[in-house]
């Protein structure tokens, strides 16, 4: 599952759900291991956030053993 956000400059794709599935990690387990509230994880999981918190991303990377680009991806707008 991914969520794309597009404002005409390119697309942002949240891939937290994919990384969690690859690692066999539930939202509750990520809550316990990261110390974040379920609502915070749910927002990133669904891509329902308007501002990215770098501390949150770094904790996700630590817990999931991945890099930022494994969780969030930017695709530039295609020129015509």
C-alpha atoms as a PDB file:
ATOM      1  CA  UNK A   1       0.000   0.000   0.000  1.00  0.00           C
ATOM      2  CA  UNK A   2       1.315   3.408  -0.818  1.00  0.00           C
ATOM      3  CA  UNK A   3       0.019   6.926  -0.766  1.00  0.00           C
ATOM      4  CA  UNK A   4       0.995   9.485  -3.380  1.00  0.00           C
ATOM      5  CA  UNK A   5       0.791  13.201  -2.842  1.00  0.00           C
ATOM      6  CA  UNK A   6       1.064  15.419  -5.894  1.00  0.00           C
ATOM      7  CA  UNK A   7       0.996  19.208  -5.997  1.00  0.00           C
ATOM      8  CA  UNK A   8       2.085  19.648  -9.595  1.00  0.00           C
ATOM      9  CA  UNK A   9       5.824  19.645  -8.837  1.00  0.00           C
ATOM     10  CA  UNK A  10       6.180  15.889  -8.563  1.00  0.00           C
ATOM     11  CA  UNK A  11       4.887  12.984  -6.516  1.00  0.00           C
ATOM     12  CA  UNK A  12       5.709  11.957  -2.965  1.00  0.00           C
ATOM     13  CA  UNK A  13       5.080   8.284  -2.293  1.00  0.00           C
ATOM     14  CA  UNK A  14       4.956   6.907   1.256  1.00  0.00           C
ATOM     15  CA  UNK A  15       6.164   3.307   1.433  1.00  0.00           C
ATOM     16  CA  UNK A  16       6.120   2.660   5.187  1.00  0.00           C
ATOM     17  CA  UNK A  17       3.427  -0.012   4.826  1.00  0.00           C
ATOM     18  CA  UNK A  18       5.546  -1.853   2.247  1.00  0.00           C
ATOM     19  CA  UNK A  19       8.655  -1.798   4.462  1.00  0.00           C
ATOM     20  CA  UNK A  20       6.669  -2.977   7.475  1.00  0.00           C
ATOM     21  CA  UNK A  21       5.181  -5.849   5.473  1.00  0.00           C
ATOM     22  CA  UNK A  22       8.656  -6.858   4.216  1.00  0.00           C
ATOM     23  CA  UNK A  23       9.932  -6.965   7.818  1.00  0.00           C
ATOM     24  CA  UNK A  24       6.802  -8.691   9.181  1.00  0.00           C
ATOM     25  CA  UNK A  25       6.163  -5.771  11.523  1.00  0.00           C
ATOM     26  CA  UNK A  26       2.735  -4.678  12.712  1.00  0.00           C
ATOM     27  CA  UNK A  27       1.781  -1.118  13.578  1.00  0.00           C
ATOM     28  CA  UNK A  28       1.573  -2.107  17.250  1.00  0.00           C
ATOM     29  CA  UNK A  29       5.076  -3.577  17.207  1.00  0.00           C
ATOM     30  CA  UNK A  30       6.412  -0.442  15.492  1.00  0.00           C
ATOM     31  CA  UNK A  31       4.700   1.610  18.228  1.00  0.00           C
ATOM     32  CA  UNK A  32       6.429  -0.413  20.928  1.00  0.00           C
ATOM     33  CA  UNK A  33       9.866  -0.364  19.315  1.00  0.00           C
ATOM     34  CA  UNK A  34       9.833   3.291  18.244  1.00  0.00           C
ATOM     35  CA  UNK A  35       7.956   4.791  21.193  1.00  0.00           C
ATOM     36  CA  UNK A  36       5.574   6.694  18.899  1.00  0.00           C
ATOM     37  CA  UNK A  37       1.823   6.865  19.362  1.00  0.00           C
ATOM     38  CA  UNK A  38      -0.327   4.661  17.129  1.00  0.00           C
ATOM     39  CA  UNK A  39      -1.821   7.780  15.501  1.00  0.00           C
ATOM     40  CA  UNK A  40       1.633   8.966  14.405  1.00  0.00           C
ATOM     41  CA  UNK A  41       2.438   5.634  12.801  1.00  0.00           C
ATOM     42  CA  UNK A  42      -0.998   5.440  11.210  1.00  0.00           C
ATOM     43  CA  UNK A  43      -0.492   8.851   9.594  1.00  0.00           C
ATOM     44  CA  UNK A  44       2.765   7.803   7.930  1.00  0.00           C
ATOM     45  CA  UNK A  45       1.391   4.343   7.141  1.00  0.00           C
ATOM     46  CA  UNK A  46      -1.546   5.856   5.243  1.00  0.00           C
ATOM     47  CA  UNK A  47       0.371   8.888   3.969  1.00  0.00           C
ATOM     48  CA  UNK A  48      -2.052  11.230   5.752  1.00  0.00           C
ATOM     49  CA  UNK A  49       0.531  13.744   6.917  1.00  0.00           C
ATOM     50  CA  UNK A  50       1.216  17.272   5.790  1.00  0.00           C
ATOM     51  CA  UNK A  51       4.664  17.728   7.368  1.00  0.00           C
ATOM     52  CA  UNK A  52       7.416  15.156   7.615  1.00  0.00           C
ATOM     53  CA  UNK A  53       9.238  14.917  10.940  1.00  0.00           C
ATOM     54  CA  UNK A  54      12.888  13.928  10.425  1.00  0.00           C
ATOM     55  CA  UNK A  55      13.140  12.416  13.903  1.00  0.00           C
ATOM     56  CA  UNK A  56      10.169  10.159  13.139  1.00  0.00           C
ATOM     57  CA  UNK A  57      11.717   9.086   9.827  1.00  0.00           C
ATOM     58  CA  UNK A  58      15.062   8.359  11.480  1.00  0.00           C
ATOM     59  CA  UNK A  59      13.381   6.181  14.125  1.00  0.00           C
ATOM     60  CA  UNK A  60      11.452   4.278  11.467  1.00  0.00           C
ATOM     61  CA  UNK A  61      14.741   3.667   9.633  1.00  0.00           C
ATOM     62  CA  UNK A  62      16.436   2.492  12.828  1.00  0.00           C
ATOM     63  CA  UNK A  63      13.648   0.112  13.799  1.00  0.00           C
ATOM     64  CA  UNK A  64      13.068  -1.222  10.279  1.00  0.00           C
ATOM     65  CA  UNK A  65      16.766  -1.368   9.383  1.00  0.00           C
ATOM     66  CA  UNK A  66      16.332   0.646   6.208  1.00  0.00           C
ATOM     67  CA  UNK A  67      17.108   4.015   4.604  1.00  0.00           C
ATOM     68  CA  UNK A  68      14.854   7.060   4.226  1.00  0.00           C
ATOM     69  CA  UNK A  69      14.378   6.392   0.514  1.00  0.00           C
ATOM     70  CA  UNK A  70      12.909   3.003   1.481  1.00  0.00           C
ATOM     71  CA  UNK A  71      10.103   4.827   3.319  1.00  0.00           C
ATOM     72  CA  UNK A  72       9.495   7.956   1.263  1.00  0.00           C
ATOM     73  CA  UNK A  73      10.121   8.496  -2.438  1.00  0.00           C
ATOM     74  CA  UNK A  74      10.048  11.582  -4.647  1.00  0.00           C
ATOM     75  CA  UNK A  75       9.321  11.386  -8.363  1.00  0.00           C
ATOM     76  CA  UNK A  76       9.820  14.645 -10.307  1.00  0.00           C
ATOM     77  CA  UNK A  77       7.081  15.961 -12.518  1.00  0.00           C
ATOM     78  CA  UNK A  78       7.436  14.697 -16.062  1.00  0.00           C
ATOM     79  CA  UNK A  79       8.111  17.486 -18.510  1.00  0.00           C
ATOM     80  CA  UNK A  80       5.926  17.740 -21.579  1.00  0.00           C
END
